[in-house]
């Protein structure tokens, strides 16, 4: 049970960080698109 709990926490953290990175990349792409449209 301890190993299962630790693996669950690890997977949850990995998923959380992956989602944050995805959001950061989307924001960067949106900012670049806005800059391109302004020029």
ModelCIF file with pLDDT and N, C-alpha, C, O atoms, coordinates in Angstrom:
data_MODEL
#
_entry.id   MODEL 
#
_entity.id                         1 
_entity.type                       polymer 
_entity.pdbx_number_of_molecules   1 
#
_entity_poly.entity_id                      1 
_entity_poly.type                           'polypeptide(L)' 
_entity_poly.nstd_linkage                   no 
_entity_poly.nstd_monomer                   no 
_entity_poly.pdbx_seq_one_letter_code       
;(UNK)(UNK)(UNK)(UNK)(UNK)(UNK)(UNK)(UNK)(UNK)(UNK)(UNK)(UNK)(UNK)(UNK)(UNK)(UNK)
(UNK)(UNK)(UNK)(UNK)(UNK)(UNK)(UNK)(UNK)(UNK)(UNK)(UNK)(UNK)(UNK)(UNK)(UNK)(UNK)
(UNK)(UNK)(UNK)(UNK)(UNK)(UNK)(UNK)
;
_entity_poly.pdbx_seq_one_letter_code_can   XXXXXXXXXXXXXXXXXXXXXXXXXXXXXXXXXXXXXXX 
_entity_poly.pdbx_strand_id                 A 
#
loop_
_entity_poly_seq.entity_id 
_entity_poly_seq.num 
_entity_poly_seq.mon_id 
_entity_poly_seq.hetero 
1 1  UNK n 
1 2  UNK n 
1 3  UNK n 
1 4  UNK n 
1 5  UNK n 
1 6  UNK n 
1 7  UNK n 
1 8  UNK n 
1 9  UNK n 
1 10 UNK n 
1 11 UNK n 
1 12 UNK n 
1 13 UNK n 
1 14 UNK n 
1 15 UNK n 
1 16 UNK n 
1 17 UNK n 
1 18 UNK n 
1 19 UNK n 
1 20 UNK n 
1 21 UNK n 
1 22 UNK n 
1 23 UNK n 
1 24 UNK n 
1 25 UNK n 
1 26 UNK n 
1 27 UNK n 
1 28 UNK n 
1 29 UNK n 
1 30 UNK n 
1 31 UNK n 
1 32 UNK n 
1 33 UNK n 
1 34 UNK n 
1 35 UNK n 
1 36 UNK n 
1 37 UNK n 
1 38 UNK n 
1 39 UNK n 
#
_struct_asym.id          A 
_struct_asym.entity_id   1 
#
loop_
_ma_qa_metric.id 
_ma_qa_metric.mode 
_ma_qa_metric.name 
_ma_qa_metric.software_group_id 
_ma_qa_metric.type 
1 global pLDDT . pLDDT 
2 local  pLDDT . pLDDT 
#
_ma_qa_metric_global.metric_id      1 
_ma_qa_metric_global.metric_value   89.33 
_ma_qa_metric_global.model_id       1 
_ma_qa_metric_global.ordinal_id     1 
#
loop_
_ma_qa_metric_local.label_asym_id 
_ma_qa_metric_local.label_comp_id 
_ma_qa_metric_local.label_seq_id 
_ma_qa_metric_local.metric_id 
_ma_qa_metric_local.metric_value 
_ma_qa_metric_local.model_id 
_ma_qa_metric_local.ordinal_id 
A UNK 1  2 89.00 1 1  
A UNK 2  2 91.00 1 2  
A UNK 3  2 87.00 1 3  
A UNK 4  2 87.00 1 4  
A UNK 5  2 94.00 1 5  
A UNK 6  2 94.00 1 6  
A UNK 7  2 91.00 1 7  
A UNK 8  2 94.00 1 8  
A UNK 9  2 97.00 1 9  
A UNK 10 2 95.00 1 10 
A UNK 11 2 94.00 1 11 
A UNK 12 2 96.00 1 12 
A UNK 13 2 97.00 1 13 
A UNK 14 2 96.00 1 14 
A UNK 15 2 96.00 1 15 
A UNK 16 2 96.00 1 16 
A UNK 17 2 96.00 1 17 
A UNK 18 2 96.00 1 18 
A UNK 19 2 96.00 1 19 
A UNK 20 2 96.00 1 20 
A UNK 21 2 96.00 1 21 
A UNK 22 2 95.00 1 22 
A UNK 23 2 95.00 1 23 
A UNK 24 2 93.00 1 24 
A UNK 25 2 93.00 1 25 
A UNK 26 2 93.00 1 26 
A UNK 27 2 91.00 1 27 
A UNK 28 2 89.00 1 28 
A UNK 29 2 88.00 1 29 
A UNK 30 2 85.00 1 30 
A UNK 31 2 82.00 1 31 
A UNK 32 2 81.00 1 32 
A UNK 33 2 77.00 1 33 
A UNK 34 2 78.00 1 34 
A UNK 35 2 77.00 1 35 
A UNK 36 2 74.00 1 36 
A UNK 37 2 78.00 1 37 
A UNK 38 2 76.00 1 38 
A UNK 39 2 65.00 1 39 
#
loop_
_atom_site.group_PDB 
_atom_site.id 
_atom_site.type_symbol 
_atom_site.label_atom_id 
_atom_site.label_alt_id 
_atom_site.label_comp_id 
_atom_site.label_asym_id 
_atom_site.label_entity_id 
_atom_site.label_seq_id 
_atom_site.pdbx_PDB_ins_code 
_atom_site.Cartn_x 
_atom_site.Cartn_y 
_atom_site.Cartn_z 
_atom_site.occupancy 
_atom_site.B_iso_or_equiv 
_atom_site.pdbx_formal_charge 
_atom_site.auth_seq_id 
_atom_site.auth_comp_id 
_atom_site.auth_asym_id 
_atom_site.auth_atom_id 
_atom_site.pdbx_PDB_model_num 
ATOM 1   N N  . UNK A 1 1  ? 0.815  -1.228 0.000   1.00 89.00 ? 1  UNK A N  1 
ATOM 2   C CA . UNK A 1 1  ? 0.000  0.000  0.000   1.00 89.00 ? 1  UNK A CA 1 
ATOM 3   C C  . UNK A 1 1  ? 0.846  1.275  0.000   1.00 89.00 ? 1  UNK A C  1 
ATOM 4   O O  . UNK A 1 1  ? 0.488  2.264  -0.640  1.00 89.00 ? 1  UNK A O  1 
ATOM 5   N N  . UNK A 1 2  ? 1.963  1.246  0.716   1.00 91.00 ? 2  UNK A N  1 
ATOM 6   C CA . UNK A 1 2  ? 2.850  2.406  0.738   1.00 91.00 ? 2  UNK A CA 1 
ATOM 7   C C  . UNK A 1 2  ? 3.454  2.659  -0.642  1.00 91.00 ? 2  UNK A C  1 
ATOM 8   O O  . UNK A 1 2  ? 3.549  3.804  -1.083  1.00 91.00 ? 2  UNK A O  1 
ATOM 9   N N  . UNK A 1 3  ? 3.861  1.585  -1.323  1.00 87.00 ? 3  UNK A N  1 
ATOM 10  C CA . UNK A 1 3  ? 4.424  1.733  -2.665  1.00 87.00 ? 3  UNK A CA 1 
ATOM 11  C C  . UNK A 1 3  ? 3.375  2.257  -3.642  1.00 87.00 ? 3  UNK A C  1 
ATOM 12  O O  . UNK A 1 3  ? 3.671  3.119  -4.470  1.00 87.00 ? 3  UNK A O  1 
ATOM 13  N N  . UNK A 1 4  ? 2.170  1.747  -3.547  1.00 87.00 ? 4  UNK A N  1 
ATOM 14  C CA . UNK A 1 4  ? 1.090  2.212  -4.410  1.00 87.00 ? 4  UNK A CA 1 
ATOM 15  C C  . UNK A 1 4  ? 0.783  3.683  -4.186  1.00 87.00 ? 4  UNK A C  1 
ATOM 16  O O  . UNK A 1 4  ? 0.570  4.434  -5.138  1.00 87.00 ? 4  UNK A O  1 
ATOM 17  N N  . UNK A 1 5  ? 0.764  4.084  -2.942  1.00 94.00 ? 5  UNK A N  1 
ATOM 18  C CA . UNK A 1 5  ? 0.498  5.486  -2.604  1.00 94.00 ? 5  UNK A CA 1 
ATOM 19  C C  . UNK A 1 5  ? 1.609  6.383  -3.144  1.00 94.00 ? 5  UNK A C  1 
ATOM 20  O O  . UNK A 1 5  ? 1.332  7.445  -3.700  1.00 94.00 ? 5  UNK A O  1 
ATOM 21  N N  . UNK A 1 6  ? 2.853  5.967  -2.985  1.00 94.00 ? 6  UNK A N  1 
ATOM 22  C CA . UNK A 1 6  ? 3.984  6.752  -3.479  1.00 94.00 ? 6  UNK A CA 1 
ATOM 23  C C  . UNK A 1 6  ? 3.960  6.849  -5.000  1.00 94.00 ? 6  UNK A C  1 
ATOM 24  O O  . UNK A 1 6  ? 4.238  7.909  -5.563  1.00 94.00 ? 6  UNK A O  1 
ATOM 25  N N  . UNK A 1 7  ? 3.629  5.751  -5.661  1.00 91.00 ? 7  UNK A N  1 
ATOM 26  C CA . UNK A 1 7  ? 3.550  5.785  -7.127  1.00 91.00 ? 7  UNK A CA 1 
ATOM 27  C C  . UNK A 1 7  ? 2.419  6.695  -7.585  1.00 91.00 ? 7  UNK A C  1 
ATOM 28  O O  . UNK A 1 7  ? 2.571  7.429  -8.561  1.00 91.00 ? 7  UNK A O  1 
ATOM 29  N N  . UNK A 1 8  ? 1.301  6.654  -6.897  1.00 94.00 ? 8  UNK A N  1 
ATOM 30  C CA . UNK A 1 8  ? 0.176  7.520  -7.232  1.00 94.00 ? 8  UNK A CA 1 
ATOM 31  C C  . UNK A 1 8  ? 0.533  8.988  -7.087  1.00 94.00 ? 8  UNK A C  1 
ATOM 32  O O  . UNK A 1 8  ? 0.194  9.804  -7.944  1.00 94.00 ? 8  UNK A O  1 
ATOM 33  N N  . UNK A 1 9  ? 1.217  9.323  -6.001  1.00 97.00 ? 9  UNK A N  1 
ATOM 34  C CA . UNK A 1 9  ? 1.643  10.714 -5.799  1.00 97.00 ? 9  UNK A CA 1 
ATOM 35  C C  . UNK A 1 9  ? 2.621  11.141 -6.884  1.00 97.00 ? 9  UNK A C  1 
ATOM 36  O O  . UNK A 1 9  ? 2.536  12.255 -7.401  1.00 97.00 ? 9  UNK A O  1 
ATOM 37  N N  . UNK A 1 10 ? 3.541  10.263 -7.223  1.00 95.00 ? 10 UNK A N  1 
ATOM 38  C CA . UNK A 1 10 ? 4.521  10.573 -8.261  1.00 95.00 ? 10 UNK A CA 1 
ATOM 39  C C  . UNK A 1 10 ? 3.863  10.804 -9.612  1.00 95.00 ? 10 UNK A C  1 
ATOM 40  O O  . UNK A 1 10 ? 4.195  11.758 -10.315 1.00 95.00 ? 10 UNK A O  1 
ATOM 41  N N  . UNK A 1 11 ? 2.934  9.934  -9.972  1.00 94.00 ? 11 UNK A N  1 
ATOM 42  C CA . UNK A 1 11 ? 2.226  10.097 -11.240 1.00 94.00 ? 11 UNK A CA 1 
ATOM 43  C C  . UNK A 1 11 ? 1.385  11.369 -11.245 1.00 94.00 ? 11 UNK A C  1 
ATOM 44  O O  . UNK A 1 11 ? 1.290  12.054 -12.263 1.00 94.00 ? 11 UNK A O  1 
ATOM 45  N N  . UNK A 1 12 ? 0.778  11.677 -10.107 1.00 96.00 ? 12 UNK A N  1 
ATOM 46  C CA . UNK A 1 12 ? -0.034 12.890 -10.003 1.00 96.00 ? 12 UNK A CA 1 
ATOM 47  C C  . UNK A 1 12 ? 0.831  14.137 -10.188 1.00 96.00 ? 12 UNK A C  1 
ATOM 48  O O  . UNK A 1 12 ? 0.430  15.071 -10.883 1.00 96.00 ? 12 UNK A O  1 
ATOM 49  N N  . UNK A 1 13 ? 2.005  14.157 -9.574  1.00 97.00 ? 13 UNK A N  1 
ATOM 50  C CA . UNK A 1 13 ? 2.912  15.296 -9.729  1.00 97.00 ? 13 UNK A CA 1 
ATOM 51  C C  . UNK A 1 13 ? 3.403  15.414 -11.166 1.00 97.00 ? 13 UNK A C  1 
ATOM 52  O O  . UNK A 1 13 ? 3.485  16.514 -11.712 1.00 97.00 ? 13 UNK A O  1 
ATOM 53  N N  . UNK A 1 14 ? 3.727  14.281 -11.774 1.00 96.00 ? 14 UNK A N  1 
ATOM 54  C CA . UNK A 1 14 ? 4.179  14.286 -13.161 1.00 96.00 ? 14 UNK A CA 1 
ATOM 55  C C  . UNK A 1 14 ? 3.102  14.862 -14.070 1.00 96.00 ? 14 UNK A C  1 
ATOM 56  O O  . UNK A 1 14 ? 3.382  15.692 -14.935 1.00 96.00 ? 14 UNK A O  1 
ATOM 57  N N  . UNK A 1 15 ? 1.882  14.418 -13.867 1.00 96.00 ? 15 UNK A N  1 
ATOM 58  C CA . UNK A 1 15 ? 0.762  14.898 -14.675 1.00 96.00 ? 15 UNK A CA 1 
ATOM 59  C C  . UNK A 1 15 ? 0.545  16.397 -14.472 1.00 96.00 ? 15 UNK A C  1 
ATOM 60  O O  . UNK A 1 15 ? 0.289  17.129 -15.428 1.00 96.00 ? 15 UNK A O  1 
ATOM 61  N N  . UNK A 1 16 ? 0.651  16.844 -13.228 1.00 96.00 ? 16 UNK A N  1 
ATOM 62  C CA . UNK A 1 16 ? 0.477  18.258 -12.921 1.00 96.00 ? 16 UNK A CA 1 
ATOM 63  C C  . UNK A 1 16 ? 1.535  19.104 -13.618 1.00 96.00 ? 16 UNK A C  1 
ATOM 64  O O  . UNK A 1 16 ? 1.217  20.134 -14.212 1.00 96.00 ? 16 UNK A O  1 
ATOM 65  N N  . UNK A 1 17 ? 2.784  18.676 -13.548 1.00 96.00 ? 17 UNK A N  1 
ATOM 66  C CA . UNK A 1 17 ? 3.865  19.425 -14.194 1.00 96.00 ? 17 UNK A CA 1 
ATOM 67  C C  . UNK A 1 17 ? 3.723  19.393 -15.708 1.00 96.00 ? 17 UNK A C  1 
ATOM 68  O O  . UNK A 1 17 ? 3.988  20.394 -16.375 1.00 96.00 ? 17 UNK A O  1 
ATOM 69  N N  . UNK A 1 18 ? 3.312  18.265 -16.255 1.00 96.00 ? 18 UNK A N  1 
ATOM 70  C CA . UNK A 1 18 ? 3.108  18.174 -17.701 1.00 96.00 ? 18 UNK A CA 1 
ATOM 71  C C  . UNK A 1 18 ? 2.012  19.138 -18.146 1.00 96.00 ? 18 UNK A C  1 
ATOM 72  O O  . UNK A 1 18 ? 2.134  19.774 -19.193 1.00 96.00 ? 18 UNK A O  1 
ATOM 73  N N  . UNK A 1 19 ? 0.951  19.251 -17.365 1.00 96.00 ? 19 UNK A N  1 
ATOM 74  C CA . UNK A 1 19 ? -0.124 20.188 -17.704 1.00 96.00 ? 19 UNK A CA 1 
ATOM 75  C C  . UNK A 1 19 ? 0.361  21.633 -17.633 1.00 96.00 ? 19 UNK A C  1 
ATOM 76  O O  . UNK A 1 19 ? 0.001  22.454 -18.478 1.00 96.00 ? 19 UNK A O  1 
ATOM 77  N N  . UNK A 1 20 ? 1.180  21.944 -16.624 1.00 96.00 ? 20 UNK A N  1 
ATOM 78  C CA . UNK A 1 20 ? 1.725  23.300 -16.515 1.00 96.00 ? 20 UNK A CA 1 
ATOM 79  C C  . UNK A 1 20 ? 2.605  23.644 -17.710 1.00 96.00 ? 20 UNK A C  1 
ATOM 80  O O  . UNK A 1 20 ? 2.532  24.750 -18.247 1.00 96.00 ? 20 UNK A O  1 
ATOM 81  N N  . UNK A 1 21 ? 3.428  22.701 -18.119 1.00 96.00 ? 21 UNK A N  1 
ATOM 82  C CA . UNK A 1 21 ? 4.307  22.933 -19.268 1.00 96.00 ? 21 UNK A CA 1 
ATOM 83  C C  . UNK A 1 21 ? 3.470  23.143 -20.527 1.00 96.00 ? 21 UNK A C  1 
ATOM 84  O O  . UNK A 1 21 ? 3.764  24.021 -21.337 1.00 96.00 ? 21 UNK A O  1 
ATOM 85  N N  . UNK A 1 22 ? 2.432  22.336 -20.684 1.00 95.00 ? 22 UNK A N  1 
ATOM 86  C CA . UNK A 1 22 ? 1.546  22.483 -21.843 1.00 95.00 ? 22 UNK A CA 1 
ATOM 87  C C  . UNK A 1 22 ? 0.902  23.861 -21.861 1.00 95.00 ? 22 UNK A C  1 
ATOM 88  O O  . UNK A 1 22 ? 0.828  24.501 -22.910 1.00 95.00 ? 22 UNK A O  1 
ATOM 89  N N  . UNK A 1 23 ? 0.434  24.320 -20.702 1.00 95.00 ? 23 UNK A N  1 
ATOM 90  C CA . UNK A 1 23 ? -0.178 25.648 -20.617 1.00 95.00 ? 23 UNK A CA 1 
ATOM 91  C C  . UNK A 1 23 ? 0.843  26.741 -20.935 1.00 95.00 ? 23 UNK A C  1 
ATOM 92  O O  . UNK A 1 23 ? 0.516  27.707 -21.625 1.00 95.00 ? 23 UNK A O  1 
ATOM 93  N N  . UNK A 1 24 ? 2.072  26.600 -20.439 1.00 93.00 ? 24 UNK A N  1 
ATOM 94  C CA . UNK A 1 24 ? 3.110  27.586 -20.720 1.00 93.00 ? 24 UNK A CA 1 
ATOM 95  C C  . UNK A 1 24 ? 3.418  27.653 -22.213 1.00 93.00 ? 24 UNK A C  1 
ATOM 96  O O  . UNK A 1 24 ? 3.582  28.739 -22.769 1.00 93.00 ? 24 UNK A O  1 
ATOM 97  N N  . UNK A 1 25 ? 3.495  26.507 -22.849 1.00 93.00 ? 25 UNK A N  1 
ATOM 98  C CA . UNK A 1 25 ? 3.781  26.477 -24.285 1.00 93.00 ? 25 UNK A CA 1 
ATOM 99  C C  . UNK A 1 25 ? 2.635  27.123 -25.058 1.00 93.00 ? 25 UNK A C  1 
ATOM 100 O O  . UNK A 1 25 ? 2.871  27.891 -25.991 1.00 93.00 ? 25 UNK A O  1 
ATOM 101 N N  . UNK A 1 26 ? 1.399  26.816 -24.676 1.00 93.00 ? 26 UNK A N  1 
ATOM 102 C CA . UNK A 1 26 ? 0.245  27.424 -25.352 1.00 93.00 ? 26 UNK A CA 1 
ATOM 103 C C  . UNK A 1 26 ? 0.256  28.940 -25.190 1.00 93.00 ? 26 UNK A C  1 
ATOM 104 O O  . UNK A 1 26 ? -0.024 29.667 -26.143 1.00 93.00 ? 26 UNK A O  1 
ATOM 105 N N  . UNK A 1 27 ? 0.577  29.420 -23.992 1.00 91.00 ? 27 UNK A N  1 
ATOM 106 C CA . UNK A 1 27 ? 0.654  30.856 -23.760 1.00 91.00 ? 27 UNK A CA 1 
ATOM 107 C C  . UNK A 1 27 ? 1.743  31.495 -24.615 1.00 91.00 ? 27 UNK A C  1 
ATOM 108 O O  . UNK A 1 27 ? 1.541  32.570 -25.179 1.00 91.00 ? 27 UNK A O  1 
ATOM 109 N N  . UNK A 1 28 ? 2.888  30.842 -24.711 1.00 89.00 ? 28 UNK A N  1 
ATOM 110 C CA . UNK A 1 28 ? 3.984  31.371 -25.523 1.00 89.00 ? 28 UNK A CA 1 
ATOM 111 C C  . UNK A 1 28 ? 3.587  31.439 -26.991 1.00 89.00 ? 28 UNK A C  1 
ATOM 112 O O  . UNK A 1 28 ? 3.894  32.411 -27.681 1.00 89.00 ? 28 UNK A O  1 
ATOM 113 N N  . UNK A 1 29 ? 2.906  30.407 -27.462 1.00 88.00 ? 29 UNK A N  1 
ATOM 114 C CA . UNK A 1 29 ? 2.468  30.392 -28.857 1.00 88.00 ? 29 UNK A CA 1 
ATOM 115 C C  . UNK A 1 29 ? 1.447  31.498 -29.099 1.00 88.00 ? 29 UNK A C  1 
ATOM 116 O O  . UNK A 1 29 ? 1.488  32.163 -30.134 1.00 88.00 ? 29 UNK A O  1 
ATOM 117 N N  . UNK A 1 30 ? 0.541  31.697 -28.160 1.00 85.00 ? 30 UNK A N  1 
ATOM 118 C CA . UNK A 1 30 ? -0.457 32.761 -28.295 1.00 85.00 ? 30 UNK A CA 1 
ATOM 119 C C  . UNK A 1 30 ? 0.206  34.133 -28.346 1.00 85.00 ? 30 UNK A C  1 
ATOM 120 O O  . UNK A 1 30 ? -0.188 34.986 -29.142 1.00 85.00 ? 30 UNK A O  1 
ATOM 121 N N  . UNK A 1 31 ? 1.209  34.346 -27.502 1.00 82.00 ? 31 UNK A N  1 
ATOM 122 C CA . UNK A 1 31 ? 1.919  35.625 -27.478 1.00 82.00 ? 31 UNK A CA 1 
ATOM 123 C C  . UNK A 1 31 ? 2.639  35.837 -28.811 1.00 82.00 ? 31 UNK A C  1 
ATOM 124 O O  . UNK A 1 31 ? 2.600  36.938 -29.362 1.00 82.00 ? 31 UNK A O  1 
ATOM 125 N N  . UNK A 1 32 ? 3.284  34.814 -29.327 1.00 81.00 ? 32 UNK A N  1 
ATOM 126 C CA . UNK A 1 32 ? 3.983  34.918 -30.608 1.00 81.00 ? 32 UNK A CA 1 
ATOM 127 C C  . UNK A 1 32 ? 3.000  35.194 -31.744 1.00 81.00 ? 32 UNK A C  1 
ATOM 128 O O  . UNK A 1 32 ? 3.288  35.987 -32.640 1.00 81.00 ? 32 UNK A O  1 
ATOM 129 N N  . UNK A 1 33 ? 1.838  34.538 -31.704 1.00 77.00 ? 33 UNK A N  1 
ATOM 130 C CA . UNK A 1 33 ? 0.822  34.774 -32.734 1.00 77.00 ? 33 UNK A CA 1 
ATOM 131 C C  . UNK A 1 33 ? 0.339  36.217 -32.707 1.00 77.00 ? 33 UNK A C  1 
ATOM 132 O O  . UNK A 1 33 ? 0.143  36.828 -33.757 1.00 77.00 ? 33 UNK A O  1 
ATOM 133 N N  . UNK A 1 34 ? 0.147  36.760 -31.519 1.00 78.00 ? 34 UNK A N  1 
ATOM 134 C CA . UNK A 1 34 ? -0.285 38.158 -31.402 1.00 78.00 ? 34 UNK A CA 1 
ATOM 135 C C  . UNK A 1 34 ? 0.767  39.103 -31.951 1.00 78.00 ? 34 UNK A C  1 
ATOM 136 O O  . UNK A 1 34 ? 0.438  40.082 -32.621 1.00 78.00 ? 34 UNK A O  1 
ATOM 137 N N  . UNK A 1 35 ? 2.054  38.812 -31.665 1.00 77.00 ? 35 UNK A N  1 
ATOM 138 C CA . UNK A 1 35 ? 3.142  39.652 -32.169 1.00 77.00 ? 35 UNK A CA 1 
ATOM 139 C C  . UNK A 1 35 ? 3.174  39.596 -33.689 1.00 77.00 ? 35 UNK A C  1 
ATOM 140 O O  . UNK A 1 35 ? 3.357  40.622 -34.343 1.00 77.00 ? 35 UNK A O  1 
ATOM 141 N N  . UNK A 1 36 ? 2.998  38.409 -34.256 1.00 74.00 ? 36 UNK A N  1 
ATOM 142 C CA . UNK A 1 36 ? 3.021  38.264 -35.706 1.00 74.00 ? 36 UNK A CA 1 
ATOM 143 C C  . UNK A 1 36 ? 1.863  39.008 -36.363 1.00 74.00 ? 36 UNK A C  1 
ATOM 144 O O  . UNK A 1 36 ? 2.036  39.588 -37.435 1.00 74.00 ? 36 UNK A O  1 
ATOM 145 N N  . UNK A 1 37 ? 0.709  39.003 -35.751 1.00 78.00 ? 37 UNK A N  1 
ATOM 146 C CA . UNK A 1 37 ? -0.461 39.683 -36.312 1.00 78.00 ? 37 UNK A CA 1 
ATOM 147 C C  . UNK A 1 37 ? -0.303 41.201 -36.251 1.00 78.00 ? 37 UNK A C  1 
ATOM 148 O O  . UNK A 1 37 ? -0.813 41.919 -37.112 1.00 78.00 ? 37 UNK A O  1 
ATOM 149 N N  . UNK A 1 38 ? 0.404  41.685 -35.234 1.00 76.00 ? 38 UNK A N  1 
ATOM 150 C CA . UNK A 1 38 ? 0.626  43.126 -35.093 1.00 76.00 ? 38 UNK A CA 1 
ATOM 151 C C  . UNK A 1 38 ? 1.590  43.631 -36.153 1.00 76.00 ? 38 UNK A C  1 
ATOM 152 O O  . UNK A 1 38 ? 1.486  44.777 -36.591 1.00 76.00 ? 38 UNK A O  1 
ATOM 153 N N  . UNK A 1 39 ? 2.508  42.807 -36.560 1.00 65.00 ? 39 UNK A N  1 
ATOM 154 C CA . UNK A 1 39 ? 3.527  43.223 -37.552 1.00 65.00 ? 39 UNK A CA 1 
ATOM 155 C C  . UNK A 1 39 ? 2.973  43.019 -38.894 1.00 65.00 ? 39 UNK A C  1 
ATOM 156 O O  . UNK A 1 39 ? 3.644  43.297 -39.888 1.00 65.00 ? 39 UNK A O  1 
#
